[in-house]
Protein backbone atom coordinates (compact mmCIF):
# COMPACT_ATOMS: atom_id res chain seq x y z
CA MET A 1 128.69 51.79 78.77
CA THR A 2 129.32 48.17 77.73
CA LEU A 3 132.39 46.79 76.00
CA ALA A 4 132.39 47.04 72.24
CA THR A 5 132.13 43.69 70.48
CA ILE A 6 134.96 42.10 68.54
CA GLU A 7 132.92 42.71 65.38
CA GLN A 8 132.75 46.42 66.17
CA GLY A 9 136.52 46.40 66.67
CA THR A 10 137.20 44.71 63.34
CA THR A 11 134.83 47.13 61.57
CA SER A 12 136.69 50.02 63.15
CA ILE A 13 140.01 48.63 61.85
CA ARG A 14 138.60 48.12 58.35
CA ASN A 15 137.29 51.70 58.23
CA PHE A 16 140.57 53.14 59.48
CA LEU A 17 142.65 51.22 56.93
CA GLU A 18 140.31 52.19 54.12
CA GLN A 19 140.66 55.86 55.03
CA SER A 20 144.44 55.38 55.06
CA SER A 21 144.46 53.81 51.57
CA VAL A 22 145.64 50.49 52.98
CA ARG A 23 143.96 47.38 51.58
CA LEU A 24 143.09 44.68 54.10
CA ARG A 25 143.53 41.16 52.73
CA SER A 26 143.09 39.13 55.89
CA LEU A 27 142.24 39.62 59.55
CA GLU A 28 142.72 37.24 62.47
CA TRP A 29 142.13 37.94 66.14
CA GLN A 30 142.65 36.36 69.53
CA VAL A 31 141.43 37.51 72.94
CA LEU A 32 144.45 37.80 75.24
CA ASP A 33 142.76 38.93 78.41
CA GLN A 34 139.39 40.05 79.69
CA THR A 35 138.67 41.58 83.09
CA THR A 36 134.99 40.80 83.75
CA ASP A 37 132.93 43.20 81.65
CA GLN A 38 135.17 46.26 82.05
CA ARG A 39 138.17 45.64 79.81
CA ARG A 40 139.28 43.29 77.05
CA THR A 41 142.64 42.97 75.28
CA VAL A 42 142.69 41.52 71.77
CA HIS A 43 145.57 40.66 69.44
CA PHE A 44 144.77 41.42 65.79
CA LYS A 45 146.89 40.12 62.92
CA LEU A 46 146.25 42.03 59.70
CA GLY A 47 147.40 41.04 56.23
CA VAL A 48 147.62 44.30 54.29
CA ASP A 49 149.03 45.93 51.22
CA ASN A 50 149.52 49.64 50.68
CA ALA A 51 147.69 50.78 47.57
CA ALA A 52 149.04 54.30 48.00
CA THR A 53 152.66 53.22 47.49
CA ASP A 54 153.07 49.76 46.04
CA PRO A 55 149.94 47.72 45.23
CA LYS A 56 152.02 44.54 45.07
CA SER A 57 153.60 44.95 48.50
CA GLN A 58 152.12 42.84 51.28
CA ASP A 59 152.80 42.95 54.96
CA VAL A 60 151.47 41.78 58.30
CA LEU A 61 150.46 44.32 60.92
CA GLU A 62 150.10 43.06 64.47
CA ILE A 63 147.88 45.29 66.56
CA ILE A 64 146.73 45.19 70.17
CA GLY A 65 143.19 46.43 70.76
CA LYS A 66 142.32 47.55 74.29
CA PHE A 67 138.54 47.63 74.71
CA HIS A 68 137.18 49.71 77.59
CA SER A 69 133.68 49.85 79.03
CA ASP A 70 134.48 53.31 80.40
CA GLY A 71 135.06 55.91 77.68
CA LYS A 72 136.79 58.23 80.15
CA ALA A 73 139.27 55.49 81.10
CA CYS A 74 140.01 54.83 77.42
CA ARG A 75 140.62 58.52 76.69
CA HIS A 76 142.82 58.67 79.78
CA GLU A 77 144.99 55.76 78.61
CA TRP A 78 145.20 57.22 75.09
CA SER A 79 146.23 60.61 76.50
CA ASN A 80 148.87 59.06 78.77
CA LEU A 81 150.37 56.95 76.00
CA SER A 82 150.36 59.93 73.61
CA LYS A 83 152.23 62.02 76.14
CA MET A 84 154.75 59.25 76.81
CA GLU A 85 155.42 58.95 73.06
CA GLN A 86 156.21 62.68 72.99
CA LEU A 87 158.40 62.54 76.10
CA VAL A 88 160.38 59.53 74.87
CA ASP A 89 160.86 61.06 71.41
CA GLY A 90 162.00 64.34 72.94
CA TRP A 91 164.33 62.92 75.56
CA ARG A 92 167.54 64.82 76.13
CA ASP A 93 170.28 64.07 78.63
CA GLY A 94 171.82 67.48 79.19
CA GLU A 95 172.74 68.67 75.71
CA LEU A 96 173.45 65.20 74.38
CA LEU A 97 170.95 62.90 72.77
CA ARG A 98 170.89 59.63 74.68
CA GLU A 99 168.67 56.71 73.95
CA LEU A 100 166.45 55.73 76.81
CA GLN A 101 166.69 52.21 78.20
CA PHE A 102 162.98 51.68 77.60
CA GLY A 103 160.39 52.11 74.87
CA VAL A 104 156.64 52.62 74.81
CA PRO A 105 154.09 51.12 72.39
CA ARG A 106 153.11 53.27 69.42
CA ILE A 107 149.48 54.20 69.01
CA PHE A 108 147.84 52.85 65.85
CA PHE A 109 144.62 54.79 66.32
CA HIS A 110 142.00 55.62 68.93
CA ASP A 111 138.36 54.76 68.26
CA GLU A 112 136.71 57.11 70.72
CA SER A 113 133.15 56.21 69.71
CA HIS A 114 133.65 52.58 70.77
CA SER A 115 136.24 53.23 73.51
CA ILE A 116 138.97 51.15 71.89
CA LEU A 117 142.66 52.04 71.85
CA PHE A 118 144.62 50.29 69.10
CA GLN A 119 148.41 50.18 69.41
CA HIS A 120 151.23 48.40 67.62
CA ARG A 121 152.13 45.07 69.19
CA ILE A 122 155.56 44.78 70.79
CA ALA A 123 157.44 41.74 69.47
CA GLY A 124 159.28 41.03 72.70
CA SER A 125 159.69 38.16 75.14
CA SER A 126 158.46 38.04 78.70
CA PHE A 127 160.67 38.13 81.77
CA TYR A 128 159.49 34.64 82.66
CA GLN A 129 161.09 33.32 79.48
CA ALA A 130 164.39 34.89 80.54
CA LEU A 131 164.06 33.32 83.98
CA ASP A 132 163.57 29.92 82.41
CA ARG A 133 166.98 30.45 80.78
CA GLY A 134 168.47 31.44 84.13
CA ASP A 135 169.05 35.00 82.86
CA PHE A 136 168.79 37.50 85.74
CA THR A 137 170.50 40.34 83.85
CA ILE A 138 167.13 41.25 82.38
CA PHE A 139 166.14 42.48 85.86
CA GLY A 140 169.05 44.87 85.66
CA SER A 141 167.59 46.17 82.42
CA ALA A 142 164.30 46.69 84.25
CA GLY A 143 166.11 48.67 86.93
CA ARG A 144 167.85 50.92 84.40
CA SER A 145 164.56 51.42 82.52
CA LEU A 146 162.69 52.46 85.64
CA PHE A 147 165.51 54.81 86.63
CA ASP A 148 165.30 56.44 83.20
CA LEU A 149 161.54 56.87 83.55
CA HIS A 150 162.04 58.58 86.88
CA GLN A 151 164.61 60.94 85.35
CA ILE A 152 162.26 62.35 82.70
CA LYS A 153 161.36 65.83 83.86
CA PRO A 154 158.43 67.12 81.82
CA ASP A 155 156.77 70.47 82.30
CA VAL A 156 154.43 69.59 85.16
CA ASP A 157 152.03 72.48 84.59
CA GLN A 158 151.78 71.75 80.88
CA LEU A 159 151.31 68.02 81.37
CA VAL A 160 148.68 68.34 84.08
CA GLY A 161 146.95 71.00 82.03
CA GLN A 162 146.64 68.66 79.07
CA ASN A 163 145.50 65.72 81.17
CA LYS A 164 143.60 66.64 84.30
CA LEU A 165 143.86 63.08 85.60
CA LEU A 166 147.64 63.17 85.51
CA GLY A 167 148.29 64.98 88.76
CA LEU A 168 150.38 64.45 91.87
CA LYS A 169 149.23 61.28 93.60
CA PHE A 170 149.40 60.85 97.36
CA MET A 171 148.96 57.62 99.30
CA SER A 172 145.26 58.36 99.73
CA ASP A 173 144.97 58.53 95.92
CA HIS A 174 146.76 55.20 95.49
CA VAL A 175 144.43 53.56 98.01
CA ARG A 176 141.33 54.99 96.33
CA GLU A 177 142.37 54.38 92.72
CA LEU A 178 144.39 51.16 92.82
CA ILE A 179 142.75 49.00 95.49
CA GLU A 180 139.59 47.16 94.49
CA PRO A 181 137.37 46.69 96.35
CA SER A 182 137.89 49.43 98.89
CA PRO A 183 139.55 48.23 102.11
CA ARG A 184 136.40 49.38 103.92
CA VAL A 185 134.40 46.82 101.93
CA LEU A 186 136.80 44.11 103.06
CA CYS A 187 136.31 45.19 106.68
CA GLU A 188 132.51 45.19 106.36
CA SER A 189 132.46 41.77 104.73
CA LEU A 190 135.09 40.17 106.97
CA PRO A 191 135.01 41.92 110.37
CA GLN A 192 137.92 39.80 111.60
CA CYS A 193 140.15 41.82 109.24
CA LYS A 194 139.03 45.20 110.54
CA ASP A 195 141.75 45.86 113.12
CA SER A 196 144.59 44.89 110.78
CA VAL A 197 143.21 46.89 107.86
CA ASN A 198 142.51 50.01 109.92
CA ARG A 199 145.97 49.86 111.48
CA ALA A 200 147.51 49.65 108.01
CA LEU A 201 145.37 52.52 106.70
CA ASP A 202 146.44 54.71 109.62
CA PHE A 203 150.06 53.81 108.96
CA LEU A 204 149.74 54.63 105.26
CA ALA A 205 147.96 57.93 105.93
CA GLN A 206 150.95 59.18 107.91
CA HIS A 207 153.06 58.92 104.75
CA ASP A 208 151.12 61.66 102.95
CA ALA A 209 152.54 64.28 105.30
CA LYS A 210 156.07 63.31 104.22
CA LEU A 211 155.20 63.62 100.54
CA ALA A 212 153.57 67.00 101.13
CA ASN A 213 156.70 68.18 102.95
CA GLY A 214 159.02 67.88 99.98
CA VAL A 215 159.66 64.29 98.94
CA PRO A 216 161.00 64.53 95.34
CA VAL A 217 158.43 63.46 92.78
CA SER A 218 158.71 62.02 89.28
CA LEU A 219 156.59 60.31 86.68
CA VAL A 220 155.44 56.99 88.14
CA HIS A 221 153.96 54.09 86.17
CA ARG A 222 152.06 52.64 89.16
CA ASP A 223 151.87 49.15 87.63
CA PHE A 224 155.54 48.41 87.01
CA GLN A 225 155.62 44.61 87.17
CA LEU A 226 156.72 41.61 85.14
CA ARG A 227 153.54 41.28 83.05
CA ASN A 228 153.93 44.85 81.81
CA LEU A 229 157.54 44.47 80.67
CA LEU A 230 158.79 42.94 77.43
CA ALA A 231 162.36 42.52 76.19
CA ASP A 232 163.41 42.52 72.54
CA GLY A 233 167.18 42.17 73.01
CA SER A 234 167.94 45.87 72.74
CA LYS A 235 165.64 47.53 75.26
CA ILE A 236 162.78 47.00 77.67
CA TRP A 237 159.29 47.89 76.49
CA ILE A 238 156.88 49.13 79.14
CA ILE A 239 153.18 48.68 78.42
CA ASP A 240 149.88 49.63 80.10
CA TRP A 241 150.30 53.32 80.92
CA ASP A 242 146.74 53.94 82.11
CA LYS A 243 147.83 54.53 85.73
CA LEU A 244 150.62 57.03 84.89
CA ALA A 245 150.88 59.93 87.32
CA PHE A 246 153.30 62.11 89.25
CA GLY A 247 154.35 60.72 92.60
CA ASP A 248 157.05 59.28 94.80
CA PRO A 249 159.46 57.18 92.68
CA ALA A 250 159.77 54.81 95.64
CA PHE A 251 156.24 53.66 94.78
CA ASP A 252 157.35 52.00 91.51
CA VAL A 253 160.44 50.44 93.07
CA ALA A 254 158.46 48.92 95.94
CA TYR A 255 155.69 47.81 93.59
CA PHE A 256 158.17 45.87 91.47
CA ILE A 257 159.89 44.33 94.49
CA SER A 258 156.55 43.29 95.98
CA TYR A 259 155.44 41.71 92.72
CA VAL A 260 158.67 39.73 92.34
CA GLU A 261 158.59 38.55 95.96
CA ASN A 262 154.99 37.41 95.58
CA HIS A 263 155.33 35.65 92.22
CA LEU A 264 158.79 34.07 92.30
CA PRO A 265 160.34 31.57 94.72
CA ASN A 266 163.00 33.02 97.02
CA THR A 267 165.78 31.34 95.07
CA ARG A 268 164.80 33.47 92.07
CA ALA A 269 163.33 36.53 93.76
CA GLU A 270 166.42 37.44 95.79
CA PRO A 271 168.95 37.56 92.90
CA ALA A 272 166.34 39.21 90.65
CA ILE A 273 165.70 42.02 93.15
CA ALA A 274 169.41 42.45 93.86
CA GLU A 275 170.12 42.87 90.13
CA PHE A 276 167.18 45.25 89.75
CA LEU A 277 168.25 47.52 92.63
CA SER A 278 171.91 47.45 91.63
CA CYS A 279 171.09 48.73 88.16
CA TYR A 280 168.45 51.19 89.31
CA GLY A 281 171.33 52.85 91.10
CA PRO A 282 172.17 54.79 94.27
CA MET A 283 168.93 56.79 94.19
CA ALA A 284 167.15 53.73 95.62
CA ASN A 285 169.19 54.17 98.80
CA GLU A 286 167.84 57.69 99.18
CA PHE A 287 164.30 56.44 99.65
CA SER A 288 164.97 53.01 101.17
CA ASP A 289 163.03 54.05 104.29
CA ARG A 290 159.91 54.56 102.16
CA ILE A 291 160.03 51.15 100.45
CA PRO A 292 158.35 49.31 103.40
CA VAL A 293 155.50 51.84 103.37
CA TYR A 294 154.63 50.98 99.77
CA GLN A 295 155.18 47.28 100.42
CA CYS A 296 152.54 47.57 103.14
CA PHE A 297 150.27 49.22 100.57
CA ASN A 298 150.85 46.35 98.16
CA PHE A 299 150.03 43.73 100.77
CA LEU A 300 146.73 45.53 101.40
CA ARG A 301 146.05 45.87 97.68
CA ARG A 302 146.68 42.19 97.04
CA ALA A 303 144.56 41.13 100.05
CA CYS A 304 141.61 43.07 98.64
CA ARG A 305 142.27 41.60 95.20
CA ARG A 306 142.17 38.03 96.51
CA PHE A 307 138.89 38.83 98.25
CA ARG A 308 137.48 40.28 95.01
CA LEU A 309 138.56 37.41 92.75
CA ARG A 310 137.77 34.59 95.19
CA ASP A 311 139.74 32.19 93.06
CA ARG A 312 141.62 29.09 94.15
CA ASP A 313 143.00 29.33 97.72
CA TRP A 314 141.88 32.95 97.92
CA GLU A 315 141.30 32.88 101.69
CA SER A 316 144.73 31.50 102.54
CA GLU A 317 146.38 33.91 100.08
CA MET A 318 144.42 36.85 101.45
CA ASN A 319 145.45 35.96 104.99
CA ARG A 320 149.05 35.64 103.89
CA MET A 321 148.87 39.17 102.46
CA LEU A 322 147.33 40.47 105.69
CA ARG A 323 150.11 38.88 107.75
CA GLY A 324 152.71 40.54 105.55
CA MET A 325 150.91 43.85 105.99
CA ASP A 326 150.78 43.41 109.77
CA ALA A 327 154.49 42.63 109.92
CA ILE A 328 155.19 46.14 108.60
CA SER A 329 152.39 48.28 110.03
CA ALA A 330 152.00 46.82 113.53
CA PRO A 331 155.60 47.43 114.74
CA LYS A 332 155.59 50.94 113.22
CA GLN A 333 152.31 51.86 114.89
CA ALA A 334 153.48 50.41 118.22
CA ALA A 335 156.64 52.53 118.03
CA LEU A 336 154.54 55.66 117.53
CA ALA A 337 152.15 54.84 120.40
């Protein structure tokens, strides 16, 4: 299936508003991101009035449209976001109602026929804007938000039953679902990488036995990084829930740390990570031995990504990722030999 056109998206919006007795006076759009021919993200700004309540009232609705070429992937993201809305709305801390430190976008509507998920835009600022102000406390907010996510304990059987894709994910699942292209493709295309990649894959495979033997699991976002976090002054908003699953909470913590280390200079990364871990809390110490495992995974993931994109300096960046991967996997494998 191909991506729906912008025109199909705007027609879908017009039809939905008409059915909802909302009059559309103006419509503007801007493409925010497009990943080849598989996914497109569009910001729609709608000038509307509500004929059902007050014909003279006018307002602006800002909507994010997520266009998918894969209908199954779109339904999966819609299902995940729907479930997160329910979990956030129903959150209880013991017998007391406590507001979570994070929020999730609200669904506007799902156009299944065109594989488009429309959701309300979050009017928040990026973490990079906070960094420009020298504000590292926002990373503490990210830590508290992730801790809260990991504390939500839904009915596993019910949740998996409603969404067959939302199951317990092992390392082998992360490698298969989150690394593109497959590490095997990298080895076939660049044989000089084969030994390093195979050593890392062997190292990662050993981790599955630990998870199967009783590592505590939680909801995991699996893409918890700066681009998917927005701050509005009162809470952190987490977006892009399409990779949601059950798994080791150490995965999200390591994913965030790896992203910060790779995208920020050390002078910013170190205080940002320290603030993040401090506010995530003592639970991070309980799985500190598993953080390097997932950092190794992220080095492998990013090496394959550089190979796939082949953008500026991709070879040197890919090799840098492979060296970081080797620094973790090689000593561990040597110790086991």
